[in-house]
Amino acid sequence: MKKIKIIHVLHCVGGVETSLRLILKNIDPEKYESIVIHGLMDTSSPFEDKNGASVKEYKIPIYRNISLWNDLIALYRCYSILKHEKPRVIHAHSAKGGIIGRVIGRLLGIKVLFTPQAFSYLSETKGLKRNIFLKIERFFANANSLLLASSQSELERGINEVGYKRENTLLFNNCINPILSVSPLTIEKTWPDRYICTVGRPCYQKNIDFMIKAFSEIKDSEIHLVVMGVGHHVDQLDIVERLIAKLGLKDRVTLLKWTSREDVLHIINKAELYISTARYEGLPYAVIESLALAKACIVTDCDGNRDLISNGFNGYVVQGDDYKVFGEAVSGVLKDDHLKTSFGNNAKEHFMKYFNIETNVSAIESIYDTYK
């Protein structure tokens, strides 16, 4: 049987990288030939399939920021690769990968599946740049591409704001393999044993300044906050550090630089609970991992978060922008061991039922199968 050739185009960082690697490690390599086109500087780790075999990859100048010169080179090189490889379908991930993949798909007449992992225009507050980014997304909607959303919220936003026709949308929830064991910590532990945690760089999307304000409302001085992921694109780090100092929280907050996924899982596993104050998401892997580790979650009411947390079942979805309300929700769970345990048990059940890739992988395979 001839394999279905799929070329993935993306800027390979963060949740976008996680999503791709999980797809490659779980789809059947006897049915699908996967090729990856990604940036020169985004990841150095090789891609592997389900059998541990290397996946063919090309590196071209795909960068997060807009650069006319680099973007034109990326388009030209991607065009040459795709014309040579002749895939049955392009799976474009991320904002930049989505633009490149959809432009080349139109030129070569190749169908494109686009997974934004949160639409690019959401990264901007109201204004000119947001409107431009939204107009770009609207221009590429429909045509030769289908929206392959990572969450139901993302799918609905694609229809209601971007302009996708419902018949041009598909859904494959981000999901992970069950976490069967957690490795020992490989970095120095500089925080106390009682803590809550989050994964999110100090930036507009993750809204860490709101989180710090909410944490200041927790009066239990023994509770610590560990913020993981202070690495790439931390444009609000200075704001967060100044706020921590202003609120007298230097001894209660740890800003942890980028570390391995194994260390992240270890830290989540030992935490009292997980929190997210994001303004928007696709479907956040850190929250999925927290569910898999049976952790209660307190999150803001945004795309992605609301798809994972059922209010009062496996945590709380806090509406509005009042940090005091968010802090009170966290305090309430910390004070109630029975509630925290109940939320945790329900979290694990919710994960196994809806976000286990070992049972969900057939859904993405069925989508790829339409391109035989």
Protein backbone atom coordinates (compact mmCIF):
# COMPACT_ATOMS: atom_id res chain seq x y z
CA MET A 1 0.00 0.00 0.00
CA LYS A 2 1.36 3.40 -0.99
CA LYS A 3 1.95 5.68 1.97
CA ILE A 4 0.21 9.04 2.30
CA LYS A 5 2.94 11.70 2.21
CA ILE A 6 2.33 14.54 4.68
CA ILE A 7 4.60 17.56 4.93
CA HIS A 8 4.46 19.56 8.15
CA VAL A 9 5.44 23.24 7.92
CA LEU A 10 6.00 25.19 11.12
CA HIS A 11 8.01 27.40 13.43
CA CYS A 12 8.87 24.61 15.84
CA VAL A 13 8.69 25.94 19.42
CA GLY A 14 6.51 25.49 22.50
CA GLY A 15 3.14 23.82 22.18
CA VAL A 16 3.44 23.78 18.39
CA GLU A 17 6.54 21.59 18.64
CA THR A 18 4.91 19.39 21.28
CA SER A 19 1.87 18.86 19.06
CA LEU A 20 3.91 17.84 16.03
CA ARG A 21 6.18 15.47 17.94
CA LEU A 22 3.19 13.74 19.54
CA ILE A 23 1.51 13.27 16.16
CA LEU A 24 4.70 11.84 14.63
CA LYS A 25 5.24 9.48 17.59
CA ASN A 26 1.69 8.09 17.46
CA ILE A 27 0.50 7.83 13.85
CA ASP A 28 1.22 4.62 11.94
CA PRO A 29 4.52 4.97 10.01
CA GLU A 30 3.48 2.09 7.76
CA LYS A 31 0.59 4.21 6.44
CA TYR A 32 2.02 7.73 6.51
CA GLU A 33 5.29 9.23 5.30
CA SER A 34 6.00 12.34 7.35
CA ILE A 35 8.39 15.14 6.41
CA VAL A 36 9.04 18.25 8.50
CA ILE A 37 9.97 21.73 7.24
CA HIS A 38 10.90 24.03 10.12
CA GLY A 39 13.12 26.95 11.13
CA LEU A 40 16.88 27.13 11.19
CA MET A 41 17.08 28.04 14.87
CA ASP A 42 13.92 26.69 16.49
CA THR A 43 14.84 23.12 17.51
CA SER A 44 17.92 20.94 17.25
CA SER A 45 16.33 17.69 18.47
CA PRO A 46 15.69 15.13 15.71
CA PHE A 47 12.13 14.11 14.88
CA GLU A 48 11.18 10.46 15.34
CA ASP A 49 8.26 8.27 14.34
CA LYS A 50 6.42 5.64 16.36
CA ASN A 51 9.21 3.11 15.79
CA GLY A 52 11.98 5.50 16.81
CA ALA A 53 13.11 5.98 13.21
CA SER A 54 14.27 9.43 12.10
CA VAL A 55 11.77 11.61 10.25
CA LYS A 56 13.09 13.50 7.22
CA GLU A 57 13.42 17.22 7.85
CA TYR A 58 14.36 20.42 6.04
CA LYS A 59 15.51 23.62 7.73
CA ILE A 60 14.61 26.99 6.20
CA PRO A 61 14.59 30.56 7.64
CA ILE A 62 11.22 30.45 9.41
CA TYR A 63 11.29 32.88 12.33
CA ARG A 64 8.63 34.08 14.75
CA ASN A 65 9.02 37.78 13.88
CA ILE A 66 8.12 39.24 10.48
CA SER A 67 11.16 39.76 8.23
CA LEU A 68 10.48 40.45 4.55
CA TRP A 69 13.85 39.05 3.44
CA ASN A 70 13.76 35.88 5.56
CA ASP A 71 10.10 35.27 4.84
CA LEU A 72 10.64 35.53 1.07
CA ILE A 73 13.58 33.12 1.28
CA ALA A 74 11.46 30.74 3.36
CA LEU A 75 8.65 30.89 0.80
CA TYR A 76 11.04 30.20 -2.09
CA ARG A 77 12.78 27.31 -0.35
CA CYS A 78 9.52 25.81 0.87
CA TYR A 79 8.10 26.05 -2.67
CA SER A 80 11.14 24.19 -4.06
CA ILE A 81 10.92 21.45 -1.41
CA LEU A 82 7.20 20.89 -1.84
CA LYS A 83 7.44 20.89 -5.62
CA HIS A 84 10.14 18.20 -5.35
CA GLU A 85 8.49 16.10 -2.61
CA LYS A 86 4.93 16.28 -4.01
CA PRO A 87 3.01 15.57 -0.78
CA ARG A 88 -0.66 14.60 -0.72
CA VAL A 89 -1.34 17.20 1.96
CA ILE A 90 0.41 20.02 3.81
CA HIS A 91 -0.20 20.23 7.55
CA ALA A 92 0.73 23.81 8.49
CA HIS A 93 1.19 24.61 12.18
CA SER A 94 1.65 28.00 13.91
CA ALA A 95 1.05 31.48 12.49
CA LYS A 96 4.18 31.67 10.32
CA GLY A 97 3.97 28.05 9.23
CA GLY A 98 0.32 28.65 8.40
CA ILE A 99 1.08 31.57 6.09
CA ILE A 100 3.94 29.81 4.31
CA GLY A 101 2.08 26.53 3.97
CA ARG A 102 -1.10 28.13 2.64
CA VAL A 103 0.70 30.37 0.14
CA ILE A 104 2.67 27.45 -1.31
CA GLY A 105 -0.38 25.19 -1.16
CA ARG A 106 -2.28 27.64 -3.36
CA LEU A 107 0.59 27.93 -5.84
CA LEU A 108 1.01 24.17 -6.17
CA GLY A 109 -2.63 23.17 -5.82
CA ILE A 110 -2.02 21.13 -2.64
CA LYS A 111 -4.67 20.96 0.07
CA VAL A 112 -3.62 22.47 3.39
CA LEU A 113 -4.67 21.59 6.93
CA PHE A 114 -3.99 24.60 9.16
CA THR A 115 -3.59 24.22 12.93
CA PRO A 116 -2.93 27.67 14.44
CA GLN A 117 -2.48 26.62 18.09
CA ALA A 118 -4.08 30.04 18.88
CA PHE A 119 -4.64 32.54 16.07
CA SER A 120 -1.87 35.11 15.63
CA TYR A 121 -4.11 38.18 15.97
CA LEU A 122 -4.91 37.23 19.56
CA SER A 123 -1.35 38.16 20.52
CA GLU A 124 -2.13 41.84 19.97
CA THR A 125 -4.34 44.14 21.96
CA LYS A 126 -6.99 46.08 20.06
CA GLY A 127 -5.34 48.19 17.38
CA LEU A 128 -3.82 48.30 13.91
CA LYS A 129 -1.59 45.23 14.21
CA ARG A 130 -4.45 43.10 15.51
CA ASN A 131 -6.66 44.19 12.61
CA ILE A 132 -3.90 43.47 10.08
CA PHE A 133 -3.23 40.00 11.50
CA LEU A 134 -6.96 39.24 11.54
CA LYS A 135 -7.36 40.40 7.93
CA ILE A 136 -4.47 38.14 6.90
CA GLU A 137 -6.18 35.17 8.56
CA ARG A 138 -9.48 36.06 6.88
CA PHE A 139 -7.76 36.31 3.49
CA PHE A 140 -6.41 32.75 3.78
CA ALA A 141 -9.55 31.23 5.33
CA ASN A 142 -11.38 28.62 3.26
CA ALA A 143 -9.78 28.73 -0.27
CA ASN A 144 -7.51 25.66 -0.43
CA SER A 145 -7.22 25.24 3.34
CA LEU A 146 -9.21 23.61 6.09
CA LEU A 147 -8.99 24.75 9.69
CA LEU A 148 -7.82 21.79 11.78
CA ALA A 149 -8.47 23.28 15.22
CA SER A 150 -6.72 22.13 18.37
CA SER A 151 -9.81 22.78 20.54
CA GLN A 152 -13.53 23.37 20.12
CA SER A 153 -13.07 26.98 21.27
CA GLU A 154 -10.46 27.54 18.57
CA LEU A 155 -12.79 26.01 15.97
CA GLU A 156 -15.68 28.27 16.98
CA ARG A 157 -13.42 31.33 16.92
CA GLY A 158 -12.28 30.33 13.45
CA ILE A 159 -15.90 30.34 12.30
CA ASN A 160 -17.20 33.36 14.21
CA GLU A 161 -14.25 35.76 13.90
CA VAL A 162 -11.94 34.53 11.14
CA GLY A 163 -14.70 33.53 8.73
CA TYR A 164 -14.17 29.84 8.10
CA LYS A 165 -17.24 28.03 6.84
CA ARG A 166 -18.20 25.30 9.26
CA GLU A 167 -17.84 22.69 6.52
CA ASN A 168 -14.21 23.83 6.14
CA THR A 169 -13.33 23.10 9.76
CA LEU A 170 -12.12 19.96 11.50
CA LEU A 171 -11.24 19.22 15.11
CA PHE A 172 -8.36 17.26 16.58
CA ASN A 173 -7.92 18.11 20.25
CA ASN A 174 -4.36 18.41 21.49
CA CYS A 175 -3.70 15.30 23.53
CA ILE A 176 -0.78 13.40 25.05
CA ASN A 177 0.26 9.90 26.01
CA PRO A 178 -0.59 8.85 29.58
CA ILE A 179 2.18 9.76 32.01
CA LEU A 180 3.15 6.40 33.51
CA SER A 181 6.12 7.61 35.56
CA VAL A 182 7.83 10.85 36.52
CA SER A 183 11.61 11.19 36.44
CA PRO A 184 13.67 12.65 39.30
CA LEU A 185 14.43 16.36 39.12
CA THR A 186 17.66 17.08 37.21
CA ILE A 187 18.00 20.73 38.27
CA GLU A 188 18.59 22.23 41.68
CA LYS A 189 15.39 22.66 43.72
CA THR A 190 15.45 26.17 45.16
CA TRP A 191 11.82 26.41 46.29
CA PRO A 192 9.97 24.94 49.30
CA ASP A 193 7.91 21.74 49.24
CA ARG A 194 4.51 23.46 49.39
CA TYR A 195 3.92 25.29 46.14
CA ILE A 196 1.58 25.87 43.23
CA CYS A 197 2.90 26.17 39.69
CA THR A 198 2.38 27.24 36.12
CA VAL A 199 4.11 26.91 32.75
CA GLY A 200 4.18 30.20 30.88
CA ARG A 201 6.66 32.84 29.85
CA PRO A 202 6.11 36.43 31.05
CA CYS A 203 4.25 37.80 28.03
CA TYR A 204 0.89 39.24 27.04
CA GLN A 205 -0.63 35.83 26.31
CA LYS A 206 0.22 34.16 29.62
CA ASN A 207 -0.74 37.23 31.71
CA ILE A 208 1.80 36.48 34.45
CA ASP A 209 1.49 39.95 36.00
CA PHE A 210 -2.18 39.15 36.71
CA MET A 211 -1.04 35.85 38.24
CA ILE A 212 1.43 37.60 40.55
CA LYS A 213 -1.29 39.98 41.75
CA ALA A 214 -3.65 37.05 42.35
CA PHE A 215 -0.95 35.17 44.23
CA SER A 216 -0.41 38.18 46.50
CA GLU A 217 -3.99 37.63 47.72
CA ILE A 218 -3.07 34.18 49.11
CA LYS A 219 -2.33 34.84 52.75
CA ASP A 220 -0.78 31.45 53.50
CA SER A 221 2.89 32.49 53.63
CA GLU A 222 4.06 28.87 53.33
CA ILE A 223 2.68 28.57 49.80
CA HIS A 224 5.19 29.30 47.05
CA LEU A 225 4.66 29.97 43.32
CA VAL A 226 6.89 28.38 40.67
CA VAL A 227 6.65 29.92 37.19
CA MET A 228 8.28 27.68 34.56
CA GLY A 229 9.21 28.65 31.01
CA VAL A 230 11.05 31.93 31.53
CA GLY A 231 13.09 31.53 28.36
CA HIS A 232 12.13 32.59 24.83
CA HIS A 233 10.07 35.69 23.98
CA VAL A 234 9.77 37.01 27.55
CA ASP A 235 8.90 40.59 26.65
CA GLN A 236 7.24 41.27 30.02
CA LEU A 237 9.92 39.79 32.29
CA ASP A 238 10.99 43.19 33.65
CA ILE A 239 7.37 44.09 34.42
CA VAL A 240 6.87 40.82 36.31
CA GLU A 241 10.13 41.12 38.25
CA ARG A 242 9.33 44.69 39.30
CA LEU A 243 5.85 43.64 40.39
CA ILE A 244 7.22 40.77 42.48
CA ALA A 245 9.57 43.20 44.23
CA LYS A 246 6.85 45.83 44.72
CA LEU A 247 4.48 43.30 46.34
CA GLY A 248 7.22 41.89 48.58
CA LEU A 249 7.03 38.42 47.03
CA LYS A 250 10.70 37.77 46.22
CA ASP A 251 10.86 34.97 48.80
CA ARG A 252 7.60 33.40 47.61
CA VAL A 253 7.99 33.33 43.82
CA THR A 254 10.50 31.40 41.71
CA LEU A 255 10.92 32.32 38.03
CA LEU A 256 12.42 29.18 36.53
CA LYS A 257 14.29 29.31 33.25
CA TRP A 258 13.42 26.94 30.41
CA THR A 259 14.00 23.33 31.45
CA SER A 260 13.27 19.83 30.16
CA ARG A 261 9.77 18.39 29.87
CA GLU A 262 10.77 15.71 32.38
CA ASP A 263 11.61 18.38 34.96
CA VAL A 264 8.37 20.25 34.20
CA LEU A 265 6.36 17.07 34.80
CA HIS A 266 8.22 16.42 38.05
CA ILE A 267 7.45 19.94 39.29
CA ILE A 268 3.76 19.74 38.32
CA ASN A 269 3.49 16.30 39.94
CA LYS A 270 4.76 17.59 43.29
CA ALA A 271 2.67 20.77 43.25
CA GLU A 272 -0.44 21.40 45.35
CA LEU A 273 -2.31 22.42 42.19
CA TYR A 274 -1.80 24.01 38.76
CA ILE A 275 -2.88 27.50 37.70
CA SER A 276 -3.20 29.34 34.38
CA THR A 277 -4.04 33.02 33.92
CA ALA A 278 -3.73 33.01 30.12
CA ARG A 279 -5.65 35.48 27.97
CA TYR A 280 -5.91 32.94 25.15
CA GLU A 281 -4.70 29.45 24.22
CA GLY A 282 -5.16 26.81 21.57
CA LEU A 283 -5.43 23.84 23.93
CA PRO A 284 -2.60 24.16 26.49
CA TYR A 285 -0.39 21.11 26.93
CA ALA A 286 0.66 22.07 30.46
CA VAL A 287 -2.97 21.91 31.60
CA ILE A 288 -3.44 18.57 29.80
CA GLU A 289 -0.32 17.26 31.56
CA SER A 290 -1.70 18.50 34.89
CA LEU A 291 -4.92 16.56 34.28
CA ALA A 292 -2.90 13.46 33.43
CA LEU A 293 -1.02 13.90 36.72
CA ALA A 294 -4.31 14.20 38.65
CA LYS A 295 -3.87 17.85 39.59
CA ALA A 296 -6.68 20.26 40.36
CA CYS A 297 -6.48 23.29 38.05
CA ILE A 298 -7.56 26.90 38.54
CA VAL A 299 -7.68 28.72 35.21
CA THR A 300 -8.99 31.84 33.52
CA ASP A 301 -11.95 31.59 31.18
CA CYS A 302 -10.26 31.66 27.78
CA ASP A 303 -10.04 29.50 24.66
CA GLY A 304 -8.37 26.22 25.51
CA ASN A 305 -8.66 26.54 29.29
CA ARG A 306 -12.45 26.26 29.22
CA ASP A 307 -12.19 23.19 26.97
CA LEU A 308 -10.13 21.34 29.59
CA ILE A 309 -11.54 22.42 32.93
CA SER A 310 -15.16 21.80 33.88
CA ASN A 311 -16.05 24.29 36.58
CA GLY A 312 -16.52 22.57 39.93
CA PHE A 313 -15.53 19.14 38.54
CA ASN A 314 -11.76 19.10 38.01
CA GLY A 315 -11.05 22.67 39.06
CA TYR A 316 -12.38 26.18 38.63
CA VAL A 317 -12.74 28.36 35.54
CA VAL A 318 -12.58 31.92 36.86
CA GLN A 319 -14.44 34.48 34.77
CA GLY A 320 -13.66 38.18 34.58
CA ASP A 321 -10.43 40.08 35.16
CA ASP A 322 -10.52 40.53 38.93
CA TYR A 323 -7.28 39.07 40.29
CA LYS A 324 -8.72 39.01 43.80
CA VAL A 325 -11.44 36.58 42.69
CA PHE A 326 -8.81 34.35 41.09
CA GLY A 327 -6.71 34.44 44.26
CA GLU A 328 -9.73 33.54 46.39
CA ALA A 329 -10.47 30.54 44.15
CA VAL A 330 -6.91 29.27 44.59
CA SER A 331 -7.01 29.84 48.35
CA GLY A 332 -10.32 27.97 48.62
CA VAL A 333 -8.91 24.82 47.03
CA LEU A 334 -5.66 25.00 49.02
CA LYS A 335 -7.63 25.10 52.26
CA ASP A 336 -9.88 22.14 51.38
CA ASP A 337 -7.94 18.88 51.04
CA HIS A 338 -11.09 16.90 50.23
CA LEU A 339 -11.99 19.26 47.38
CA LYS A 340 -8.44 19.26 46.07
CA THR A 341 -8.35 15.45 46.04
CA SER A 342 -11.77 15.21 44.39
CA PHE A 343 -10.74 17.67 41.68
CA GLY A 344 -7.52 15.71 41.16
CA ASN A 345 -9.27 12.38 40.77
CA ASN A 346 -11.74 13.90 38.34
CA ALA A 347 -8.87 15.49 36.42
CA LYS A 348 -7.27 12.11 35.76
CA GLU A 349 -10.63 10.63 34.71
CA HIS A 350 -11.25 13.58 32.36
CA PHE A 351 -7.83 13.16 30.78
CA MET A 352 -8.21 9.43 30.15
CA LYS A 353 -11.65 9.92 28.61
CA TYR A 354 -10.94 12.85 26.29
CA PHE A 355 -7.24 13.73 25.93
CA ASN A 356 -5.36 10.43 25.70
CA ILE A 357 -3.65 10.37 22.29
CA GLU A 358 -3.38 6.58 22.34
CA THR A 359 -7.17 6.36 21.99
CA ASN A 360 -7.56 9.60 19.97
CA VAL A 361 -4.88 9.09 17.33
CA SER A 362 -7.36 7.35 15.03
CA ALA A 363 -9.11 10.72 14.63
CA ILE A 364 -6.09 12.44 13.05
CA GLU A 365 -5.34 9.32 11.01
CA SER A 366 -8.90 9.41 9.64
CA ILE A 367 -8.35 13.01 8.56
CA TYR A 368 -5.08 12.17 6.81
CA ASP A 369 -6.75 9.14 5.17
CA THR A 370 -8.98 11.43 3.12
CA TYR A 371 -5.88 12.33 1.06
CA LYS A 372 -5.08 8.80 -0.20
